[in-house]
C-alpha atoms as a PDB file:
ATOM      1  CA  MET A   1     101.696 162.495 132.462  1.00  0.00           C
ATOM      2  CA  GLU A   2     103.258 163.688 129.226  1.00  0.00           C
ATOM      3  CA  ASN A   3     106.094 161.780 127.490  1.00  0.00           C
ATOM      4  CA  GLN A   4     109.005 164.094 128.196  1.00  0.00           C
ATOM      5  CA  ALA A   5     112.026 162.151 126.795  1.00  0.00           C
ATOM      6  CA  GLY A   6     110.613 161.482 123.159  1.00  0.00           C
ATOM      7  CA  ILE A   7     109.825 157.934 123.753  1.00  0.00           C
ATOM      8  CA  SER A   8     106.343 157.169 122.821  1.00  0.00           C
ATOM      9  CA  LYS A   9     104.084 154.473 124.412  1.00  0.00           C
ATOM     10  CA  LYS A  10     103.686 153.233 120.821  1.00  0.00           C
ATOM     11  CA  SER A  11     107.095 152.839 119.846  1.00  0.00           C
ATOM     12  CA  ILE A  12     107.842 151.284 123.541  1.00  0.00           C
ATOM     13  CA  MET A  13     104.959 148.705 122.808  1.00  0.00           C
ATOM     14  CA  LEU A  14     106.152 148.057 119.068  1.00  0.00           C
ATOM     15  CA  ASN A  15     109.808 147.710 119.893  1.00  0.00           C
ATOM     16  CA  PHE A  16     109.653 145.411 123.107  1.00  0.00           C
ATOM     17  CA  GLY A  17     106.595 143.393 121.384  1.00  0.00           C
ATOM     18  CA  LEU A  18     108.714 142.648 118.268  1.00  0.00           C
ATOM     19  CA  ILE A  19     111.553 141.531 120.687  1.00  0.00           C
ATOM     20  CA  LEU A  20     109.398 139.370 122.567  1.00  0.00           C
ATOM     21  CA  GLY A  21     107.645 137.825 119.189  1.00  0.00           C
ATOM     22  CA  PHE A  22     110.949 137.236 117.711  1.00  0.00           C
ATOM     23  CA  VAL A  23     112.676 135.985 121.025  1.00  0.00           C
ATOM     24  CA  SER A  24     109.579 133.482 121.263  1.00  0.00           C
ATOM     25  CA  ILE A  25     110.041 132.302 117.859  1.00  0.00           C
ATOM     26  CA  ILE A  26     113.705 131.537 118.349  1.00  0.00           C
ATOM     27  CA  ILE A  27     112.865 129.675 121.500  1.00  0.00           C
ATOM     28  CA  GLN A  28     110.331 127.531 119.567  1.00  0.00           C
ATOM     29  CA  LEU A  29     112.771 127.069 116.750  1.00  0.00           C
ATOM     30  CA  LEU A  30     115.244 125.641 118.902  1.00  0.00           C
ATOM     31  CA  ASN A  31     112.687 123.402 120.140  1.00  0.00           C
ATOM     32  CA  TYR A  32     111.731 122.244 116.989  1.00  0.00           C
ATOM     33  CA  VAL A  33     115.392 121.517 115.592  1.00  0.00           C
ATOM     34  CA  PHE A  34     116.851 120.069 119.346  1.00  0.00           C
ATOM     35  CA  GLY A  35     113.549 119.080 121.208  1.00  0.00           C
ATOM     36  CA  ASP A  36     110.172 117.442 120.291  1.00  0.00           C
ATOM     37  CA  ILE A  37     107.680 119.878 119.307  1.00  0.00           C
ATOM     38  CA  TYR A  38     104.912 117.294 120.001  1.00  0.00           C
ATOM     39  CA  GLU A  39     106.063 116.993 123.593  1.00  0.00           C
ATOM     40  CA  PRO A  40     107.819 120.116 124.686  1.00  0.00           C
ATOM     41  CA  HIS A  41     109.627 119.974 127.844  1.00  0.00           C
ATOM     42  CA  TRP A  42     108.301 121.675 130.897  1.00  0.00           C
ATOM     43  CA  GLY A  43     111.722 123.760 130.807  1.00  0.00           C
ATOM     44  CA  LEU A  44     110.758 125.394 127.812  1.00  0.00           C
ATOM     45  CA  MET A  45     107.588 126.787 129.375  1.00  0.00           C
ATOM     46  CA  VAL A  46     109.478 128.338 132.049  1.00  0.00           C
ATOM     47  CA  VAL A  47     111.888 129.782 129.938  1.00  0.00           C
ATOM     48  CA  SER A  48     109.092 131.401 127.877  1.00  0.00           C
ATOM     49  CA  PHE A  49     107.493 132.906 130.760  1.00  0.00           C
ATOM     50  CA  ALA A  50     110.454 134.241 132.117  1.00  0.00           C
ATOM     51  CA  VAL A  51     111.434 135.886 128.992  1.00  0.00           C
ATOM     52  CA  THR A  52     107.817 137.292 128.566  1.00  0.00           C
ATOM     53  CA  THR A  53     107.994 138.608 132.116  1.00  0.00           C
ATOM     54  CA  VAL A  54     111.466 140.164 131.594  1.00  0.00           C
ATOM     55  CA  VAL A  55     110.684 141.824 128.167  1.00  0.00           C
ATOM     56  CA  ILE A  56     107.354 143.291 129.557  1.00  0.00           C
ATOM     57  CA  ILE A  57     108.856 144.423 132.777  1.00  0.00           C
ATOM     58  CA  LEU A  58     111.948 146.082 130.681  1.00  0.00           C
ATOM     59  CA  GLY A  59     109.236 147.924 128.461  1.00  0.00           C
ATOM     60  CA  ILE A  60     107.466 149.367 131.409  1.00  0.00           C
ATOM     61  CA  LYS A  61     110.599 150.421 133.186  1.00  0.00           C
ATOM     62  CA  LYS A  62     111.629 152.078 129.820  1.00  0.00           C
ATOM     63  CA  LEU A  63     108.226 153.836 129.766  1.00  0.00           C
ATOM     64  CA  LYS A  64     108.769 155.282 133.420  1.00  0.00           C
ATOM     65  CA  GLU A  65     112.292 156.347 132.798  1.00  0.00           C
ATOM     66  CA  GLY A  66     111.070 158.199 129.719  1.00  0.00           C
ATOM     67  CA  GLN A  67     108.241 160.209 131.897  1.00  0.00           C
ATOM     68  CA  ASP A  68     110.882 161.156 134.507  1.00  0.00           C
ATOM     69  CA  GLY A  69     110.495 158.261 136.691  1.00  0.00           C
ATOM     70  CA  LEU A  70     106.366 158.782 136.589  1.00  0.00           C
ATOM     71  CA  LEU A  71     104.399 155.741 135.918  1.00  0.00           C
ATOM     72  CA  SER A  72     100.332 155.027 136.359  1.00  0.00           C
ATOM     73  CA  LEU A  73      98.846 151.832 136.885  1.00  0.00           C
ATOM     74  CA  GLY A  74      96.831 152.369 133.907  1.00  0.00           C
ATOM     75  CA  GLU A  75      99.985 153.238 131.485  1.00  0.00           C
ATOM     76  CA  ALA A  76     101.911 150.089 132.862  1.00  0.00           C
ATOM     77  CA  ILE A  77      99.025 147.898 132.309  1.00  0.00           C
ATOM     78  CA  LYS A  78      98.459 149.282 128.706  1.00  0.00           C
ATOM     79  CA  THR A  79     102.054 149.134 127.871  1.00  0.00           C
ATOM     80  CA  GLY A  80     102.459 145.629 129.093  1.00  0.00           C
ATOM     81  CA  LEU A  81      99.226 144.428 126.778  1.00  0.00           C
ATOM     82  CA  GLY A  82     100.505 146.130 124.144  1.00  0.00           C
ATOM     83  CA  ILE A  83     103.885 144.330 124.201  1.00  0.00           C
ATOM     84  CA  ALA A  84     101.884 141.230 124.394  1.00  0.00           C
ATOM     85  CA  LEU A  85      99.739 141.935 121.896  1.00  0.00           C
ATOM     86  CA  ILE A  86     102.568 142.801 119.253  1.00  0.00           C
ATOM     87  CA  SER A  87     104.519 139.722 120.605  1.00  0.00           C
ATOM     88  CA  ALA A  88     101.360 137.450 119.836  1.00  0.00           C
ATOM     89  CA  ILE A  89     100.828 138.667 116.309  1.00  0.00           C
ATOM     90  CA  VAL A  90     104.554 138.285 115.394  1.00  0.00           C
ATOM     91  CA  TYR A  91     104.210 134.550 116.903  1.00  0.00           C
ATOM     92  CA  SER A  92     101.139 134.051 115.308  1.00  0.00           C
ATOM     93  CA  ILE A  93     102.563 134.739 111.836  1.00  0.00           C
ATOM     94  CA  TYR A  94     105.353 132.279 112.423  1.00  0.00           C
ATOM     95  CA  LEU A  95     102.640 129.771 113.937  1.00  0.00           C
ATOM     96  CA  VAL A  96     100.751 129.976 110.405  1.00  0.00           C
ATOM     97  CA  LEU A  97     103.925 129.430 108.408  1.00  0.00           C
ATOM     98  CA  PHE A  98     105.178 126.870 110.686  1.00  0.00           C
ATOM     99  CA  VAL A  99     101.998 124.480 110.197  1.00  0.00           C
ATOM    100  CA  ASN A 100     101.760 125.635 106.415  1.00  0.00           C
ATOM    101  CA  VAL A 101     105.431 125.413 105.356  1.00  0.00           C
ATOM    102  CA  ILE A 102     107.901 124.178 107.726  1.00  0.00           C
ATOM    103  CA  GLU A 103     105.849 121.431 109.393  1.00  0.00           C
ATOM    104  CA  PRO A 104     102.561 120.849 107.189  1.00  0.00           C
ATOM    105  CA  GLU A 105     101.903 117.429 109.115  1.00  0.00           C
ATOM    106  CA  PHE A 106     101.898 118.962 112.271  1.00  0.00           C
ATOM    107  CA  PHE A 107      97.910 118.775 112.931  1.00  0.00           C
ATOM    108  CA  THR A 108      97.912 115.348 111.677  1.00  0.00           C
ATOM    109  CA  ARG A 109     100.663 114.223 113.858  1.00  0.00           C
ATOM    110  CA  ILE A 110      99.180 116.043 116.985  1.00  0.00           C
ATOM    111  CA  ALA A 111      95.724 113.948 116.243  1.00  0.00           C
ATOM    112  CA  GLN A 112      97.594 110.721 116.282  1.00  0.00           C
ATOM    113  CA  ILE A 113      99.368 111.850 119.546  1.00  0.00           C
ATOM    114  CA  GLN A 114      96.082 112.693 120.870  1.00  0.00           C
ATOM    115  CA  GLU A 115      94.420 109.465 119.746  1.00  0.00           C
ATOM    116  CA  GLN A 116      97.074 107.670 121.212  1.00  0.00           C
ATOM    117  CA  THR A 117      97.142 109.049 124.453  1.00  0.00           C
ATOM    118  CA  ILE A 118      93.560 108.793 125.026  1.00  0.00           C
ATOM    119  CA  ILE A 119      93.701 104.891 124.167  1.00  0.00           C
ATOM    120  CA  ASP A 120      96.633 104.873 126.667  1.00  0.00           C
ATOM    121  CA  ASN A 121      94.623 106.488 129.352  1.00  0.00           C
ATOM    122  CA  TYR A 122      91.350 105.203 128.941  1.00  0.00           C
ATOM    123  CA  PRO A 123      91.302 101.673 127.592  1.00  0.00           C
ATOM    124  CA  GLU A 124      88.042 101.017 129.214  1.00  0.00           C
ATOM    125  CA  LEU A 125      86.104 103.132 126.521  1.00  0.00           C
ATOM    126  CA  SER A 126      84.262 101.909 124.123  1.00  0.00           C
ATOM    127  CA  ASP A 127      84.340 102.559 120.483  1.00  0.00           C
ATOM    128  CA  GLU A 128      81.697 105.054 120.358  1.00  0.00           C
ATOM    129  CA  GLN A 129      83.317 106.796 123.391  1.00  0.00           C
ATOM    130  CA  LEU A 130      86.819 106.588 121.930  1.00  0.00           C
ATOM    131  CA  GLU A 131      85.389 108.187 118.307  1.00  0.00           C
ATOM    132  CA  SER A 132      83.852 110.881 120.599  1.00  0.00           C
ATOM    133  CA  ALA A 133      86.707 111.808 122.580  1.00  0.00           C
ATOM    134  CA  ILE A 134      88.772 111.880 119.305  1.00  0.00           C
ATOM    135  CA  GLY A 135      86.375 113.996 117.738  1.00  0.00           C
ATOM    136  CA  ASN A 136      86.269 116.509 120.694  1.00  0.00           C
ATOM    137  CA  ALA A 137      90.140 116.723 120.747  1.00  0.00           C
ATOM    138  CA  ALA A 138      90.252 117.029 117.122  1.00  0.00           C
ATOM    139  CA  MET A 139      88.127 120.353 117.345  1.00  0.00           C
ATOM    140  CA  PHE A 140      91.422 122.129 118.886  1.00  0.00           C
ATOM    141  CA  ASN A 141      93.439 121.059 115.695  1.00  0.00           C
ATOM    142  CA  SER A 142      93.306 124.040 113.717  1.00  0.00           C
ATOM    143  CA  ILE A 143      95.493 127.090 113.012  1.00  0.00           C
ATOM    144  CA  GLY A 144      92.771 129.380 114.052  1.00  0.00           C
ATOM    145  CA  VAL A 145      92.182 127.851 117.242  1.00  0.00           C
ATOM    146  CA  HIS A 146      96.065 127.794 117.961  1.00  0.00           C
ATOM    147  CA  VAL A 147      96.263 131.621 116.896  1.00  0.00           C
ATOM    148  CA  THR A 148      93.099 132.425 118.850  1.00  0.00           C
ATOM    149  CA  MET A 149      94.589 130.664 122.084  1.00  0.00           C
ATOM    150  CA  THR A 150      98.076 132.203 121.663  1.00  0.00           C
ATOM    151  CA  LEU A 151      96.579 135.634 121.528  1.00  0.00           C
ATOM    152  CA  ILE A 152      94.179 134.928 124.378  1.00  0.00           C
ATOM    153  CA  PHE A 153      97.197 133.408 126.659  1.00  0.00           C
ATOM    154  CA  SER A 154      99.557 136.235 125.695  1.00  0.00           C
ATOM    155  CA  LEU A 155      96.981 138.778 126.508  1.00  0.00           C
ATOM    156  CA  PHE A 156      95.989 136.980 129.931  1.00  0.00           C
ATOM    157  CA  PHE A 157      99.677 136.593 130.847  1.00  0.00           C
ATOM    158  CA  GLY A 158     100.520 140.336 129.699  1.00  0.00           C
ATOM    159  CA  LEU A 159      97.879 141.439 131.815  1.00  0.00           C
ATOM    160  CA  ILE A 160      99.182 139.686 135.086  1.00  0.00           C
ATOM    161  CA  ILE A 161     102.810 140.627 134.574  1.00  0.00           C
ATOM    162  CA  SER A 162     102.048 144.228 133.782  1.00  0.00           C
ATOM    163  CA  LEU A 163      99.807 144.380 136.541  1.00  0.00           C
ATOM    164  CA  ILE A 164     102.253 143.197 138.917  1.00  0.00           C
ATOM    165  CA  GLY A 165     104.740 145.448 137.571  1.00  0.00           C
ATOM    166  CA  GLY A 166     102.957 148.332 137.352  1.00  0.00           C
ATOM    167  CA  LEU A 167     101.912 148.040 141.007  1.00  0.00           C
ATOM    168  CA  VAL A 168     105.678 147.781 141.807  1.00  0.00           C
ATOM    169  CA  MET A 169     106.892 150.503 139.788  1.00  0.00           C
ATOM    170  CA  LYS A 170     103.830 152.860 140.055  1.00  0.00           C
ATOM    171  CA  LYS A 171     104.746 156.324 141.061  1.00  0.00           C
ATOM    172  CA  GLU A 172     102.210 159.448 140.457  1.00  0.00           C
ATOM    173  CA  GLU A 173     102.919 163.049 140.492  1.00  0.00           C
ATOM    174  CA  ASN A 174     101.170 163.559 144.054  1.00  0.00           C
ATOM    175  CA  GLU A 175     103.354 160.833 145.721  1.00  0.00           C
END
């Protein structure tokens, strides 16, 4: 399936990935300004997932339109994963800036909240067990882990969304 309308898959991935990345940053900045970044509301996750779904589906739809209504499942998945990857990279750059410039005490505060949560939820732990639990939780308090998790979750959900969208929108020449 050759692209007839002059819209390349790469430009669709880049454009929609940038849109999704910047919208994700705006959502997080709004949560930072008006919410609680340490205990985000469940509604924020719902909004983020809905936005991710809409942007990936619109990107796949744009690809299909640019190919005279033809779309393979593989193209849909590649496009969705491309959008998710670009978005994750943009968001990861913001995340690095956030924890180094905007909120430099982010990981310190997260560690305090984790420690208090462990103490509140498991008051029967010995001092040794408590130290071990806090140490285990602290392993996840680094920018590298957060960026890695951002990439993994973005690609996972991008795969699921593009798979479902591709199955729905798939139309091959021989159909």
